[in-house]
Amino acid sequence: MENSILKVKNLNLSFNKLEVIKDLSLDIGKGEFVTILGPSGVGKTVLLKLLTKILLPNSGEITFTPQEKNNLNVSMAFQKSNLFNWLSVYENLKISMSHSNMNEIEKRKKIESFLEFSRMINFSNSFPSELSGGMAQKINLIRAFLQESETVLMDEPLSSIDTIQKMELQDFILKLWEKQKKTIIYVTHDIEEAIYMSDRILLLPFVKQQKQRIKEIVIPFNRPRKRIKMLTESKYVESYKFILDFLKSELEVEFQ
């Protein structure tokens, strides 16, 4: 792929004798929004941990281009906000910039610009206990984008959010992505979310006898996307059915 920011080649990881990732390869372009989708237990979160170097593979290559200083290639947004309860919103965001070369004034300006953009500036001095679940997760998302990495990893960040807030935060993530021009690798179980948000969806299968062969879907909708209009189009139904059939077939094979 031209303009590639991440190449994974022949990646393998086992826990004792259990193969979790097997001969996996993928290629992510700079500025792409790519979603990884697959059944529970297939290794999606494990793959993100390999990209962050929380886990190290048994073999294979993970190459970011360009290689960031101090290996700070990626930032991460988790399923839970994991904010420090004893720190204010502003302080939680500031601590995420501990590796930045910015001075204190520059950090404050950047944090405040994100809080203004997200309409959270009035909560700058609030503590996590004073925020709703959706607001706390919005700060979690901002924290990931504040860091100076080129790539943001997201591990089901909206899985515990109610439907209306979830749709609002999906649009918020897309606005952050368009504003910052970062690369996003997003993990979800939600097929509608994956189609609405992504440029491409990578379908991750269970480990079988051969290597994990990823299936790819290129999303056939231009941006910006209108959610309701998209849901009524035949291309959406076809994409949804393709993904659903893949998930069903994987589960049938896994539990035979």
Foldseek 3Di string as FASTA:
>chain_A
DPQWFKWWAQFWADDVPRTQAGGDIDTHHQLFAEEEAADPSNCPVVVVCCLVVVDPTPDTDMDGPPQDPVNPQEFEQEQALPFDQVAFLQVSLLVLAPVPPDDPVVSVVLSCVLCVVVVNNVRRRPGPVPDDRLVSLSSSLVSRLSYPHQEYEYENNCVPPDDVSSVVVLVVNQVSSVVRSGYYYYYDHDLLSNLQRGQKYWYWAHDDPHHTDIDMDGRPDDPPDDSVVLVPDPSSVVSSVVNVVVRVVRVVVVVD
